[in-house]
Amino acid sequence: MTCCFWRKFFFRLWQCIVGFALSSSMVCAVQVQAVRAQQVQHMPTVEISAAALKREHIQMAVAKKSTTVSKHIDGLAYVEDDLRRVANIRPIGTGRVTSIEVVKGQSVRKGQVLIKYNNFFMRDEKDRLTVVKAMLQEARAQQMSAEQIYQRGKKLSGGALSVSEVERRRIALQAANAVVQQREAELRGLLEHMGRYDSSTEQAHNGESAIISPLDGIVTRISVTNGQEISANGAPPIEICDLSQVWVVTQVDAHQASEIRSGNEQLTWVTPDRPPLRSVVNIVDGNVDVATQHVLIRSLVNNSDGCLRTGMFVRTRIFLSQKVSGVIIPEAAVQKLEGVPVVFVRTSAEHYTAKPVTLGPTLDGNIVITKGIEAGDTVVTNGSFTLKEQAIFTQDTQATSNDG
């Protein structure tokens, strides 16, 4: 009973402590909101003459009504090969390298010669082909002779020749036919095998073979030297990568990745002075890197002009499915007073009032304001920091006067 009593006592005590902590945090939150609300109601107005505007190089812009704009995530990315477009090329035969016609990093065209080698197998097979053709010719001659002997025997059957002799000649003809069929099959197999030396990856002539590129691309690896032996069962001596399409891989925070979907639009900047490359998100990686807490976002980007290279770092912008609307102003117009984002709006010829605003997504130096100003309002852009300093000075002066 005593144990049960103390258990209930401490449980009730814990409830009281938690309840007190929650109520305290709620009171603090309400107080913070009240302070912010008071700040919003007492945003300062700055007076500045036209001459001062010109002297301080202060510029203005008119807030414009925006269309619906997607939120976006800006990030750094790197370029990867599309492994589906990589060709590891092996020789069809076995032989010794006589010439390497390209170097690593070189651009090559489809059908271009990459490596030449003495094809030992092809030389052996050419000799074998000569032998098989001769054996087939001999078999056909014996077949023709057996056919003639059998036909004469059929005419003399039952007279000058016995039936058993005719039957023996018929069996001899069948054997000759079988030999011809065997030699023909050997010849077909040999010709088909030798035909492999003329393919999308190899061409052969007089015992010499040339490994050729099956696609347009870049030489990414050469693993042989002149004089080295190569074979169809060995490691691929050369690798070609087609860079007409590449993966652009963006690293984003794990909590941001939950907002990204396959099919979202993506922009990729190779350099600031070039227009961005447009693509869509293809893959949102299902794993989070434990060390970086990043998720990989992959987009297959058209690279027909070759501006993207494997390992290159680029800048990306991924647009989210969530959309907002409001007014658009230059991003330089936004300042902060007491932690509150504000924009200085012209209220008369020489008066500018700091108005608290709710910020939306940024886009190419502009920002969407979802609340706080209206389309058509004139806002201070370049030089807004000067007005912020004047506003802080005005607030401090008013506070000193009130204390006095």
Protein backbone atom coordinates (compact mmCIF):
# COMPACT_ATOMS: atom_id res chain seq x y z
CA MET A 1 0.00 0.00 0.00
CA THR A 2 2.81 2.42 0.91
CA CYS A 3 4.59 1.75 -2.37
CA CYS A 4 1.42 2.40 -4.33
CA PHE A 5 0.83 5.64 -2.45
CA TRP A 6 4.28 7.02 -3.26
CA ARG A 7 3.98 5.99 -6.90
CA LYS A 8 0.74 7.95 -7.24
CA PHE A 9 2.25 10.88 -5.36
CA PHE A 10 5.26 11.21 -7.67
CA PHE A 11 3.08 10.76 -10.78
CA ARG A 12 0.83 13.65 -9.66
CA LEU A 13 3.90 15.75 -8.90
CA TRP A 14 5.28 15.07 -12.40
CA GLN A 15 1.94 16.12 -13.96
CA CYS A 16 2.02 19.40 -12.03
CA ILE A 17 5.58 20.17 -13.13
CA VAL A 18 4.85 19.43 -16.82
CA GLY A 19 1.64 21.46 -16.71
CA PHE A 20 3.47 24.42 -15.19
CA ALA A 21 6.20 24.24 -17.87
CA LEU A 22 3.68 24.12 -20.70
CA SER A 23 1.67 27.04 -19.30
CA SER A 24 4.85 29.07 -18.86
CA SER A 25 5.91 28.45 -22.47
CA MET A 26 2.45 29.43 -23.72
CA VAL A 27 2.58 32.64 -21.70
CA CYS A 28 6.02 33.42 -23.15
CA ALA A 29 4.77 32.75 -26.70
CA VAL A 30 1.79 35.06 -26.14
CA GLN A 31 4.09 37.74 -24.77
CA VAL A 32 6.41 37.45 -27.78
CA GLN A 33 3.43 37.70 -30.15
CA ALA A 34 2.20 40.75 -28.23
CA VAL A 35 5.60 42.43 -28.50
CA ARG A 36 5.78 41.68 -32.23
CA ALA A 37 2.27 43.02 -32.70
CA GLN A 38 3.22 46.20 -30.84
CA GLN A 39 6.28 46.56 -33.05
CA VAL A 40 4.14 46.15 -36.15
CA GLN A 41 1.78 48.88 -35.00
CA HIS A 42 4.64 51.35 -34.34
CA MET A 43 6.76 50.96 -37.45
CA PRO A 44 8.53 54.27 -38.10
CA THR A 45 8.12 56.72 -40.96
CA VAL A 46 11.29 58.27 -42.36
CA GLU A 47 11.41 61.71 -43.95
CA ILE A 48 13.99 62.25 -46.66
CA SER A 49 14.21 64.95 -49.30
CA ALA A 50 14.55 64.47 -53.05
CA ALA A 51 18.07 65.93 -52.89
CA ALA A 52 19.05 63.40 -50.23
CA LEU A 53 17.62 60.57 -52.33
CA LYS A 54 19.84 61.59 -55.21
CA ARG A 55 22.89 62.11 -53.02
CA GLU A 56 22.55 58.69 -51.40
CA HIS A 57 21.79 56.98 -54.76
CA ILE A 58 18.51 55.64 -53.42
CA GLN A 59 16.37 53.85 -56.02
CA MET A 60 12.77 52.72 -56.08
CA ALA A 61 10.53 50.18 -57.78
CA VAL A 62 6.81 49.58 -58.12
CA ALA A 63 5.39 46.39 -56.61
CA LYS A 64 3.85 44.24 -59.32
CA LYS A 65 1.09 41.70 -59.03
CA SER A 66 2.61 38.25 -59.42
CA THR A 67 1.19 35.19 -61.03
CA THR A 68 1.19 32.01 -58.99
CA VAL A 69 4.82 31.21 -58.16
CA SER A 70 6.25 27.89 -57.00
CA LYS A 71 8.42 27.74 -53.95
CA HIS A 72 11.88 26.49 -54.73
CA ILE A 73 15.08 25.14 -53.24
CA ASP A 74 18.48 26.38 -54.44
CA GLY A 75 21.39 24.01 -54.09
CA LEU A 76 24.79 22.87 -55.24
CA ALA A 77 25.01 19.80 -57.45
CA TYR A 78 27.52 17.67 -59.31
CA VAL A 79 27.46 15.90 -62.66
CA GLU A 80 27.51 12.11 -63.05
CA ASP A 81 27.65 9.75 -66.04
CA ASP A 82 24.48 7.96 -67.05
CA LEU A 83 25.79 4.39 -66.78
CA ARG A 84 23.23 3.30 -69.35
CA ARG A 85 25.24 5.32 -71.88
CA VAL A 86 28.68 3.91 -71.04
CA ALA A 87 30.29 1.38 -73.40
CA ASN A 88 33.03 -0.92 -72.06
CA ILE A 89 34.44 -2.33 -75.29
CA ARG A 90 36.19 -5.69 -75.54
CA PRO A 91 37.90 -7.20 -78.58
CA ILE A 92 36.11 -10.06 -80.30
CA GLY A 93 39.32 -11.99 -80.90
CA THR A 94 42.64 -12.46 -79.11
CA GLY A 95 45.80 -10.69 -80.15
CA ARG A 96 48.51 -8.10 -79.51
CA VAL A 97 47.90 -4.33 -79.56
CA THR A 98 49.73 -2.63 -82.43
CA SER A 99 48.34 0.90 -82.15
CA ILE A 100 46.26 3.04 -79.78
CA GLU A 101 44.56 5.72 -81.87
CA VAL A 102 42.98 7.90 -79.12
CA VAL A 103 43.82 9.38 -75.71
CA LYS A 104 41.82 9.67 -72.50
CA GLY A 105 39.41 12.61 -72.55
CA GLN A 106 39.25 12.77 -76.35
CA SER A 107 35.91 13.21 -78.09
CA VAL A 108 35.20 10.43 -80.59
CA ARG A 109 32.54 9.78 -83.21
CA LYS A 110 30.60 6.62 -83.88
CA GLY A 111 32.71 4.30 -86.09
CA GLN A 112 36.02 5.96 -85.23
CA VAL A 113 39.00 3.60 -84.80
CA LEU A 114 40.16 3.34 -81.18
CA ILE A 115 42.66 0.44 -81.00
CA LYS A 116 44.31 -1.79 -83.62
CA TYR A 117 45.60 -5.29 -82.86
CA ASN A 118 46.95 -8.43 -84.53
CA ASN A 119 44.06 -10.87 -84.33
CA PHE A 120 45.58 -14.30 -83.70
CA PHE A 121 42.24 -16.09 -83.71
CA MET A 122 41.21 -14.56 -86.99
CA ARG A 123 44.43 -15.68 -88.67
CA ASP A 124 43.88 -19.23 -87.38
CA GLU A 125 40.28 -19.16 -88.49
CA LYS A 126 41.22 -17.95 -91.98
CA ASP A 127 43.59 -20.90 -92.31
CA ARG A 128 40.83 -23.19 -91.00
CA LEU A 129 38.42 -21.64 -93.51
CA THR A 130 40.75 -22.55 -96.38
CA VAL A 131 40.96 -26.16 -95.13
CA VAL A 132 37.19 -26.49 -94.65
CA LYS A 133 36.49 -25.14 -98.13
CA ALA A 134 38.90 -27.69 -99.62
CA MET A 135 37.32 -30.51 -97.60
CA LEU A 136 33.86 -29.41 -98.74
CA GLN A 137 34.99 -29.37 -102.36
CA GLU A 138 36.38 -32.90 -101.99
CA ALA A 139 33.19 -34.11 -100.26
CA ARG A 140 31.04 -32.70 -103.07
CA ALA A 141 33.21 -34.44 -105.66
CA GLN A 142 32.82 -37.76 -103.82
CA GLN A 143 29.08 -37.09 -103.52
CA MET A 144 28.81 -36.53 -107.26
CA SER A 145 30.77 -39.73 -107.96
CA ALA A 146 28.60 -41.73 -105.54
CA GLU A 147 25.47 -40.31 -107.16
CA GLN A 148 26.61 -41.38 -110.64
CA ILE A 149 27.58 -44.89 -109.46
CA TYR A 150 24.25 -45.32 -107.72
CA GLN A 151 22.24 -44.15 -110.74
CA ARG A 152 24.08 -46.62 -113.03
CA GLY A 153 23.45 -49.38 -110.49
CA LYS A 154 19.72 -48.65 -110.45
CA LYS A 155 19.57 -49.09 -114.22
CA LEU A 156 21.42 -52.45 -114.03
CA SER A 157 19.56 -53.69 -110.98
CA GLY A 158 18.23 -57.28 -111.36
CA GLY A 159 20.40 -57.84 -114.41
CA ALA A 160 24.15 -57.28 -114.44
CA LEU A 161 24.08 -56.10 -110.79
CA SER A 162 22.52 -57.74 -107.85
CA VAL A 163 20.01 -55.97 -105.65
CA SER A 164 22.45 -56.09 -102.74
CA GLU A 165 25.09 -54.27 -104.80
CA VAL A 166 22.63 -51.51 -105.67
CA GLU A 167 21.73 -51.22 -101.99
CA ARG A 168 25.41 -50.89 -101.09
CA ARG A 169 25.79 -48.07 -103.62
CA ARG A 170 22.73 -46.33 -102.18
CA ILE A 171 24.22 -46.47 -98.66
CA ALA A 172 27.51 -45.11 -100.02
CA LEU A 173 25.62 -42.17 -101.56
CA GLN A 174 23.90 -41.42 -98.25
CA ALA A 175 27.27 -41.42 -96.50
CA ALA A 176 28.65 -39.01 -99.11
CA ASN A 177 25.62 -36.73 -98.66
CA ALA A 178 26.17 -36.77 -94.89
CA VAL A 179 29.81 -35.79 -95.31
CA VAL A 180 28.81 -32.85 -97.56
CA GLN A 181 26.23 -31.68 -95.01
CA GLN A 182 28.82 -31.89 -92.25
CA ARG A 183 31.37 -29.86 -94.24
CA GLU A 184 28.74 -27.28 -95.16
CA ALA A 185 27.74 -26.90 -91.49
CA GLU A 186 31.40 -26.41 -90.53
CA LEU A 187 31.78 -23.77 -93.23
CA ARG A 188 28.62 -21.90 -92.17
CA GLY A 189 29.70 -21.87 -88.51
CA LEU A 190 33.16 -20.67 -89.40
CA LEU A 191 31.84 -17.91 -91.67
CA GLU A 192 29.35 -16.78 -89.01
CA HIS A 193 32.08 -16.68 -86.40
CA MET A 194 34.40 -14.73 -88.67
CA GLY A 195 31.54 -12.38 -89.47
CA ARG A 196 31.64 -11.23 -85.84
CA TYR A 197 34.89 -9.47 -86.60
CA ASP A 198 32.89 -6.97 -88.65
CA SER A 199 30.44 -5.48 -86.14
CA SER A 200 29.46 -2.23 -84.45
CA THR A 201 32.57 -2.45 -82.26
CA GLU A 202 35.16 -4.06 -84.55
CA GLN A 203 36.35 -4.23 -88.16
CA ALA A 204 38.81 -6.76 -89.57
CA HIS A 205 41.04 -6.96 -92.64
CA ASN A 206 43.76 -9.49 -93.51
CA GLY A 207 44.36 -10.62 -89.95
CA GLU A 208 44.34 -7.09 -88.52
CA SER A 209 41.42 -5.96 -86.34
CA ALA A 210 40.39 -2.46 -85.33
CA ILE A 211 38.23 -1.78 -82.26
CA ILE A 212 35.82 1.03 -83.15
CA SER A 213 33.50 3.24 -81.14
CA PRO A 214 29.82 2.19 -81.20
CA LEU A 215 28.67 5.70 -80.24
CA ASP A 216 29.58 9.37 -80.07
CA GLY A 217 31.19 10.17 -76.74
CA ILE A 218 34.29 10.77 -74.64
CA VAL A 219 37.14 8.34 -73.99
CA THR A 220 36.97 7.92 -70.21
CA ARG A 221 39.44 5.04 -69.76
CA ILE A 222 42.25 3.26 -71.62
CA SER A 223 43.73 0.28 -69.78
CA VAL A 224 46.17 -1.18 -72.35
CA THR A 225 49.49 -0.22 -73.94
CA ASN A 226 51.13 -0.99 -77.24
CA GLY A 227 52.34 -4.59 -77.41
CA GLN A 228 49.97 -5.84 -74.72
CA GLU A 229 47.81 -8.89 -75.40
CA ILE A 230 44.03 -8.48 -75.25
CA SER A 231 41.19 -10.96 -75.48
CA ALA A 232 37.42 -11.22 -75.37
CA ASN A 233 37.62 -12.78 -71.89
CA GLY A 234 39.90 -10.11 -70.42
CA ALA A 235 39.15 -6.69 -68.93
CA PRO A 236 37.72 -4.12 -71.38
CA PRO A 237 40.71 -2.19 -72.77
CA ILE A 238 38.74 1.00 -73.42
CA GLU A 239 35.62 2.79 -72.17
CA ILE A 240 33.51 5.35 -74.03
CA CYS A 241 30.88 7.49 -72.33
CA ASP A 242 28.02 9.16 -74.19
CA LEU A 243 27.54 12.54 -72.49
CA SER A 244 24.55 13.68 -74.55
CA GLN A 245 22.53 13.20 -71.35
CA VAL A 246 23.98 13.27 -67.84
CA TRP A 247 22.74 13.09 -64.27
CA VAL A 248 22.78 16.32 -62.28
CA VAL A 249 22.73 15.29 -58.62
CA THR A 250 21.64 17.88 -56.04
CA GLN A 251 22.19 17.44 -52.31
CA VAL A 252 19.32 18.82 -50.23
CA ASP A 253 18.53 18.68 -46.54
CA ALA A 254 16.44 15.72 -45.48
CA HIS A 255 13.50 17.87 -44.31
CA GLN A 256 13.44 19.74 -47.64
CA ALA A 257 13.51 16.52 -49.67
CA SER A 258 10.05 15.60 -48.36
CA GLU A 259 8.63 18.50 -50.41
CA ILE A 260 10.24 17.38 -53.69
CA ARG A 261 8.43 15.08 -56.10
CA SER A 262 9.43 13.37 -59.34
CA GLY A 263 8.42 15.63 -62.20
CA ASN A 264 9.17 18.91 -60.39
CA GLU A 265 10.85 21.45 -62.66
CA GLN A 266 14.59 22.03 -62.26
CA LEU A 267 16.95 24.71 -63.56
CA THR A 268 20.70 24.09 -63.79
CA TRP A 269 23.29 26.87 -64.14
CA VAL A 270 26.68 25.90 -65.53
CA THR A 271 27.97 29.48 -65.35
CA PRO A 272 26.19 32.68 -64.25
CA ASP A 273 26.37 34.21 -67.73
CA ARG A 274 24.66 31.28 -69.49
CA PRO A 275 20.92 30.58 -69.57
CA PRO A 276 19.94 27.71 -67.27
CA LEU A 277 19.34 24.19 -68.56
CA ARG A 278 15.76 23.03 -68.00
CA SER A 279 14.89 19.53 -66.84
CA VAL A 280 12.68 17.73 -64.34
CA VAL A 281 13.40 15.74 -61.21
CA ASN A 282 13.62 12.04 -62.10
CA ILE A 283 14.61 10.39 -58.83
CA VAL A 284 14.33 11.39 -55.18
CA ASP A 285 16.72 9.08 -53.33
CA GLY A 286 15.00 7.02 -50.67
CA ASN A 287 17.98 7.11 -48.30
CA VAL A 288 19.46 9.85 -46.13
CA ASP A 289 23.23 10.15 -45.88
CA VAL A 290 23.96 9.62 -42.18
CA ALA A 291 27.07 11.82 -42.21
CA THR A 292 25.62 14.83 -44.05
CA GLN A 293 21.87 14.36 -43.47
CA HIS A 294 21.40 15.06 -47.18
CA VAL A 295 19.17 13.38 -49.74
CA LEU A 296 20.27 13.07 -53.39
CA ILE A 297 17.92 14.49 -56.02
CA ARG A 298 18.70 13.26 -59.56
CA SER A 299 17.69 14.94 -62.79
CA LEU A 300 18.57 13.68 -66.28
CA VAL A 301 19.73 16.78 -68.17
CA ASN A 302 20.14 17.15 -71.93
CA ASN A 303 23.80 17.89 -72.70
CA SER A 304 23.83 18.01 -76.48
CA ASP A 305 26.23 20.97 -76.52
CA GLY A 306 28.68 19.22 -74.17
CA CYS A 307 28.78 21.98 -71.56
CA LEU A 308 28.41 19.48 -68.68
CA ARG A 309 31.31 17.18 -67.81
CA THR A 310 31.53 14.38 -65.29
CA GLY A 311 32.58 15.65 -61.85
CA MET A 312 31.66 19.27 -62.59
CA PHE A 313 29.95 21.33 -59.86
CA VAL A 314 26.88 23.34 -60.88
CA ARG A 315 24.10 25.36 -59.22
CA THR A 316 20.50 24.15 -59.34
CA ARG A 317 17.04 25.39 -58.45
CA ILE A 318 14.29 22.83 -57.82
CA PHE A 319 10.70 24.10 -57.87
CA LEU A 320 8.30 22.58 -55.37
CA SER A 321 4.69 21.62 -55.87
CA GLN A 322 3.48 24.23 -53.36
CA LYS A 323 2.57 27.54 -55.02
CA VAL A 324 2.02 31.05 -53.60
CA SER A 325 0.81 34.37 -54.98
CA GLY A 326 1.30 38.00 -54.00
CA VAL A 327 3.32 40.94 -55.31
CA ILE A 328 6.87 40.92 -56.64
CA ILE A 329 9.54 43.43 -55.62
CA PRO A 330 13.35 43.45 -55.84
CA GLU A 331 14.93 41.42 -53.06
CA ALA A 332 17.09 44.43 -52.12
CA ALA A 333 13.97 46.20 -50.84
CA VAL A 334 13.61 43.88 -47.83
CA GLN A 335 15.21 44.90 -44.51
CA LYS A 336 14.68 43.81 -40.90
CA LEU A 337 13.69 45.97 -37.94
CA GLU A 338 13.68 44.28 -34.54
CA GLY A 339 13.69 40.92 -36.31
CA VAL A 340 10.63 41.79 -38.40
CA PRO A 341 11.00 41.86 -42.24
CA VAL A 342 9.97 45.29 -43.52
CA VAL A 343 9.76 47.22 -46.76
CA PHE A 344 9.94 51.02 -46.95
CA VAL A 345 6.89 52.23 -48.88
CA ARG A 346 6.57 55.82 -50.15
CA THR A 347 3.52 57.41 -48.51
CA SER A 348 4.14 60.97 -49.76
CA ALA A 349 6.74 62.90 -51.72
CA GLU A 350 9.28 62.82 -48.87
CA HIS A 351 7.89 60.23 -46.45
CA TYR A 352 8.61 56.49 -46.37
CA THR A 353 6.96 54.12 -43.93
CA ALA A 354 8.43 50.79 -42.88
CA LYS A 355 5.72 48.19 -43.43
CA PRO A 356 6.03 44.65 -42.05
CA VAL A 357 5.70 42.00 -44.75
CA THR A 358 5.36 38.24 -45.11
CA LEU A 359 8.04 36.84 -47.39
CA GLY A 360 7.48 34.26 -50.13
CA PRO A 361 9.98 32.60 -52.48
CA THR A 362 12.80 34.48 -54.19
CA LEU A 363 13.43 34.28 -57.92
CA ASP A 364 16.31 35.81 -59.90
CA GLY A 365 16.85 38.79 -57.61
CA ASN A 366 13.16 39.34 -56.91
CA ILE A 367 11.00 38.18 -54.01
CA VAL A 368 7.30 37.46 -53.62
CA ILE A 369 5.55 39.36 -50.81
CA THR A 370 2.43 37.46 -49.78
CA LYS A 371 1.19 40.04 -47.25
CA GLY A 372 1.95 43.61 -46.16
CA ILE A 373 1.99 45.68 -49.37
CA GLU A 374 -0.17 45.98 -52.46
CA ALA A 375 0.49 45.99 -56.18
CA GLY A 376 1.29 49.55 -57.26
CA ASP A 377 3.06 50.53 -54.02
CA THR A 378 6.39 52.30 -54.58
CA VAL A 379 9.13 50.71 -52.49
CA VAL A 380 12.74 51.63 -51.84
CA THR A 381 15.21 49.13 -53.33
CA ASN A 382 18.87 50.13 -53.55
CA GLY A 383 19.58 52.31 -50.53
CA SER A 384 16.88 50.79 -48.32
CA PHE A 385 19.57 50.14 -45.70
CA THR A 386 20.08 53.92 -45.41
CA LEU A 387 16.40 54.31 -44.58
CA LYS A 388 16.69 51.48 -42.07
CA GLU A 389 19.52 53.32 -40.28
CA GLN A 390 17.46 56.51 -40.24
CA ALA A 391 14.45 54.58 -38.87
CA ILE A 392 16.56 53.08 -36.06
CA PHE A 393 17.91 56.54 -35.23
CA THR A 394 14.37 57.95 -35.18
CA GLN A 395 13.20 55.17 -32.83
CA ASP A 396 16.15 55.75 -30.48
CA THR A 397 15.48 59.49 -30.46
CA GLN A 398 11.82 58.98 -29.65
CA ALA A 399 12.68 56.51 -26.89
CA THR A 400 15.12 59.03 -25.32
CA SER A 401 12.50 61.77 -25.48
CA ASN A 402 9.92 59.53 -23.80
CA ASP A 403 12.38 58.62 -21.02
CA GLY A 404 13.10 62.33 -20.45
